[in-house]
């Protein structure tokens, strides 16, 4: 299995973000299975014609999001992204719930704010 990443140098989106988004999408969809070993930073940088710092930045962002995990000298692997994403979302939801309580918003108003934000985020 290969990553088959395509970086569009002419795109408005930065190369590290293109790389991050493509790996995240493949990991979350299952096209990159949990435990899949990713190429080294240098190896992927050479393969894609990118600077090593660009790939390292994408890997750091993916690790912060719980999509990948680095196991020291053993390499970098696709993590159980769904579980990590759900934990992060639950923590964000709990923080939001605490904040709306502090602000005195009722349940219906708090839910309406979330619905508006999701519509804006998803463009619907």
C-alpha atoms as a PDB file:
ATOM      1  CA  UNK A   1       0.000   0.000   0.000  1.00  0.00           C
ATOM      2  CA  UNK A   2       1.280   3.449  -0.900  1.00  0.00           C
ATOM      3  CA  UNK A   3       0.081   6.837   0.245  1.00  0.00           C
ATOM      4  CA  UNK A   4      -0.446   8.272  -3.261  1.00  0.00           C
ATOM      5  CA  UNK A   5      -0.324  11.846  -2.003  1.00  0.00           C
ATOM      6  CA  UNK A   6      -0.605  14.611  -4.590  1.00  0.00           C
ATOM      7  CA  UNK A   7       0.620  18.096  -3.743  1.00  0.00           C
ATOM      8  CA  UNK A   8      -0.593  20.922  -5.985  1.00  0.00           C
ATOM      9  CA  UNK A   9       2.160  23.560  -5.811  1.00  0.00           C
ATOM     10  CA  UNK A  10      -0.149  26.085  -7.504  1.00  0.00           C
ATOM     11  CA  UNK A  11      -2.965  25.693  -4.987  1.00  0.00           C
ATOM     12  CA  UNK A  12      -3.855  28.405  -2.496  1.00  0.00           C
ATOM     13  CA  UNK A  13      -3.655  25.792   0.277  1.00  0.00           C
ATOM     14  CA  UNK A  14      -0.175  25.362   1.771  1.00  0.00           C
ATOM     15  CA  UNK A  15       1.602  22.083   0.916  1.00  0.00           C
ATOM     16  CA  UNK A  16       1.771  20.985   4.570  1.00  0.00           C
ATOM     17  CA  UNK A  17      -2.001  21.481   4.868  1.00  0.00           C
ATOM     18  CA  UNK A  18      -2.631  19.513   1.656  1.00  0.00           C
ATOM     19  CA  UNK A  19      -0.499  16.688   3.053  1.00  0.00           C
ATOM     20  CA  UNK A  20      -2.175  16.834   6.473  1.00  0.00           C
ATOM     21  CA  UNK A  21      -5.656  16.824   4.978  1.00  0.00           C
ATOM     22  CA  UNK A  22      -4.978  13.911   2.612  1.00  0.00           C
ATOM     23  CA  UNK A  23      -3.453  11.703   5.309  1.00  0.00           C
ATOM     24  CA  UNK A  24      -6.225  12.595   7.777  1.00  0.00           C
ATOM     25  CA  UNK A  25      -8.923  11.845   5.199  1.00  0.00           C
ATOM     26  CA  UNK A  26      -7.405   8.481   4.312  1.00  0.00           C
ATOM     27  CA  UNK A  27      -6.917   7.520   7.957  1.00  0.00           C
ATOM     28  CA  UNK A  28     -10.455   8.478   8.963  1.00  0.00           C
ATOM     29  CA  UNK A  29     -12.005   6.719   5.964  1.00  0.00           C
ATOM     30  CA  UNK A  30     -10.044   3.528   6.644  1.00  0.00           C
ATOM     31  CA  UNK A  31      -8.074   3.679   3.385  1.00  0.00           C
ATOM     32  CA  UNK A  32      -5.042   3.917   5.663  1.00  0.00           C
ATOM     33  CA  UNK A  33      -5.690   1.287   8.327  1.00  0.00           C
ATOM     34  CA  UNK A  34      -4.879   1.702  11.996  1.00  0.00           C
ATOM     35  CA  UNK A  35      -1.273   0.650  12.497  1.00  0.00           C
ATOM     36  CA  UNK A  36      -0.160   1.528   8.950  1.00  0.00           C
ATOM     37  CA  UNK A  37       3.465   2.682   9.092  1.00  0.00           C
ATOM     38  CA  UNK A  38       3.971   6.042   7.429  1.00  0.00           C
ATOM     39  CA  UNK A  39       7.176   6.927   5.585  1.00  0.00           C
ATOM     40  CA  UNK A  40       9.867   8.814   7.445  1.00  0.00           C
ATOM     41  CA  UNK A  41       9.746  12.584   7.265  1.00  0.00           C
ATOM     42  CA  UNK A  42      12.795  12.672   5.013  1.00  0.00           C
ATOM     43  CA  UNK A  43      11.580   9.819   2.847  1.00  0.00           C
ATOM     44  CA  UNK A  44       8.176  11.371   2.239  1.00  0.00           C
ATOM     45  CA  UNK A  45       9.733  14.798   1.675  1.00  0.00           C
ATOM     46  CA  UNK A  46      11.979  13.363  -1.035  1.00  0.00           C
ATOM     47  CA  UNK A  47       9.118  11.414  -2.609  1.00  0.00           C
ATOM     48  CA  UNK A  48       6.875  14.498  -2.785  1.00  0.00           C
ATOM     49  CA  UNK A  49       9.566  17.058  -3.576  1.00  0.00           C
ATOM     50  CA  UNK A  50       8.908  18.962  -0.353  1.00  0.00           C
ATOM     51  CA  UNK A  51      11.162  20.293   2.367  1.00  0.00           C
ATOM     52  CA  UNK A  52      11.543  17.968   5.346  1.00  0.00           C
ATOM     53  CA  UNK A  53      10.230  20.773   7.605  1.00  0.00           C
ATOM     54  CA  UNK A  54       6.990  20.840   5.579  1.00  0.00           C
ATOM     55  CA  UNK A  55       6.374  17.132   6.126  1.00  0.00           C
ATOM     56  CA  UNK A  56       7.403  17.409   9.786  1.00  0.00           C
ATOM     57  CA  UNK A  57       4.876  20.232  10.285  1.00  0.00           C
ATOM     58  CA  UNK A  58       2.102  18.096   8.756  1.00  0.00           C
ATOM     59  CA  UNK A  59       3.073  15.111  10.917  1.00  0.00           C
ATOM     60  CA  UNK A  60       3.052  17.297  14.064  1.00  0.00           C
ATOM     61  CA  UNK A  61      -0.428  18.592  13.229  1.00  0.00           C
ATOM     62  CA  UNK A  62      -1.677  15.058  12.558  1.00  0.00           C
ATOM     63  CA  UNK A  63      -0.200  13.841  15.830  1.00  0.00           C
ATOM     64  CA  UNK A  64      -1.804  16.731  17.725  1.00  0.00           C
ATOM     65  CA  UNK A  65      -5.148  15.731  16.177  1.00  0.00           C
ATOM     66  CA  UNK A  66      -4.665  12.102  17.230  1.00  0.00           C
ATOM     67  CA  UNK A  67      -4.583  10.846  13.637  1.00  0.00           C
ATOM     68  CA  UNK A  68      -1.046   9.484  13.833  1.00  0.00           C
ATOM     69  CA  UNK A  69       1.315   8.491  16.614  1.00  0.00           C
ATOM     70  CA  UNK A  70       5.083   8.435  16.743  1.00  0.00           C
ATOM     71  CA  UNK A  71       6.674   5.458  18.446  1.00  0.00           C
ATOM     72  CA  UNK A  72      10.209   6.744  18.814  1.00  0.00           C
ATOM     73  CA  UNK A  73      12.700   4.964  16.582  1.00  0.00           C
ATOM     74  CA  UNK A  74      10.030   2.486  15.476  1.00  0.00           C
ATOM     75  CA  UNK A  75       8.405   5.102  13.266  1.00  0.00           C
ATOM     76  CA  UNK A  76       5.126   6.896  12.761  1.00  0.00           C
ATOM     77  CA  UNK A  77       1.847   5.016  12.486  1.00  0.00           C
ATOM     78  CA  UNK A  78      -1.818   5.672  11.825  1.00  0.00           C
ATOM     79  CA  UNK A  79      -3.575   5.824  15.192  1.00  0.00           C
ATOM     80  CA  UNK A  80      -7.101   4.817  16.051  1.00  0.00           C
ATOM     81  CA  UNK A  81      -8.242   8.226  14.766  1.00  0.00           C
ATOM     82  CA  UNK A  82     -11.925   7.739  15.419  1.00  0.00           C
ATOM     83  CA  UNK A  83     -11.351   7.164  19.115  1.00  0.00           C
ATOM     84  CA  UNK A  84      -9.023  10.142  19.447  1.00  0.00           C
ATOM     85  CA  UNK A  85     -11.358  12.394  17.479  1.00  0.00           C
ATOM     86  CA  UNK A  86     -14.313  11.353  19.598  1.00  0.00           C
ATOM     87  CA  UNK A  87     -12.371  12.039  22.817  1.00  0.00           C
ATOM     88  CA  UNK A  88     -11.336  15.487  21.566  1.00  0.00           C
ATOM     89  CA  UNK A  89     -14.881  16.289  20.448  1.00  0.00           C
ATOM     90  CA  UNK A  90     -16.292  15.147  23.809  1.00  0.00           C
ATOM     91  CA  UNK A  91     -13.805  17.353  25.658  1.00  0.00           C
ATOM     92  CA  UNK A  92     -14.698  20.330  23.454  1.00  0.00           C
ATOM     93  CA  UNK A  93     -18.413  19.688  23.999  1.00  0.00           C
ATOM     94  CA  UNK A  94     -17.934  19.515  27.768  1.00  0.00           C
ATOM     95  CA  UNK A  95     -15.995  22.788  27.731  1.00  0.00           C
ATOM     96  CA  UNK A  96     -18.734  24.396  25.620  1.00  0.00           C
ATOM     97  CA  UNK A  97     -21.466  23.143  27.939  1.00  0.00           C
ATOM     98  CA  UNK A  98     -19.640  24.629  30.913  1.00  0.00           C
ATOM     99  CA  UNK A  99     -19.195  27.932  29.124  1.00  0.00           C
ATOM    100  CA  UNK A 100     -22.860  28.282  28.082  1.00  0.00           C
ATOM    101  CA  UNK A 101     -23.929  27.497  31.637  1.00  0.00           C
ATOM    102  CA  UNK A 102     -21.573  30.209  32.904  1.00  0.00           C
ATOM    103  CA  UNK A 103     -23.067  32.636  30.362  1.00  0.00           C
ATOM    104  CA  UNK A 104     -26.599  31.752  31.408  1.00  0.00           C
ATOM    105  CA  UNK A 105     -27.763  30.437  28.021  1.00  0.00           C
ATOM    106  CA  UNK A 106     -30.569  27.925  28.048  1.00  0.00           C
ATOM    107  CA  UNK A 107     -30.332  24.511  26.429  1.00  0.00           C
ATOM    108  CA  UNK A 108     -32.279  25.525  23.302  1.00  0.00           C
ATOM    109  CA  UNK A 109     -30.160  28.646  22.744  1.00  0.00           C
ATOM    110  CA  UNK A 110     -26.933  26.670  23.258  1.00  0.00           C
ATOM    111  CA  UNK A 111     -28.034  24.007  20.757  1.00  0.00           C
ATOM    112  CA  UNK A 112     -29.042  26.693  18.240  1.00  0.00           C
ATOM    113  CA  UNK A 113     -25.578  28.244  18.452  1.00  0.00           C
ATOM    114  CA  UNK A 114     -23.987  24.841  17.787  1.00  0.00           C
ATOM    115  CA  UNK A 115     -26.304  24.196  14.835  1.00  0.00           C
ATOM    116  CA  UNK A 116     -25.427  27.599  13.343  1.00  0.00           C
ATOM    117  CA  UNK A 117     -21.703  26.918  13.783  1.00  0.00           C
ATOM    118  CA  UNK A 118     -22.003  23.464  12.164  1.00  0.00           C
ATOM    119  CA  UNK A 119     -23.946  24.895   9.233  1.00  0.00           C
ATOM    120  CA  UNK A 120     -21.250  27.508   8.743  1.00  0.00           C
ATOM    121  CA  UNK A 121     -18.443  24.939   9.034  1.00  0.00           C
ATOM    122  CA  UNK A 122     -20.017  22.437   6.644  1.00  0.00           C
ATOM    123  CA  UNK A 123     -21.356  25.074   4.269  1.00  0.00           C
ATOM    124  CA  UNK A 124     -24.970  23.954   4.594  1.00  0.00           C
END
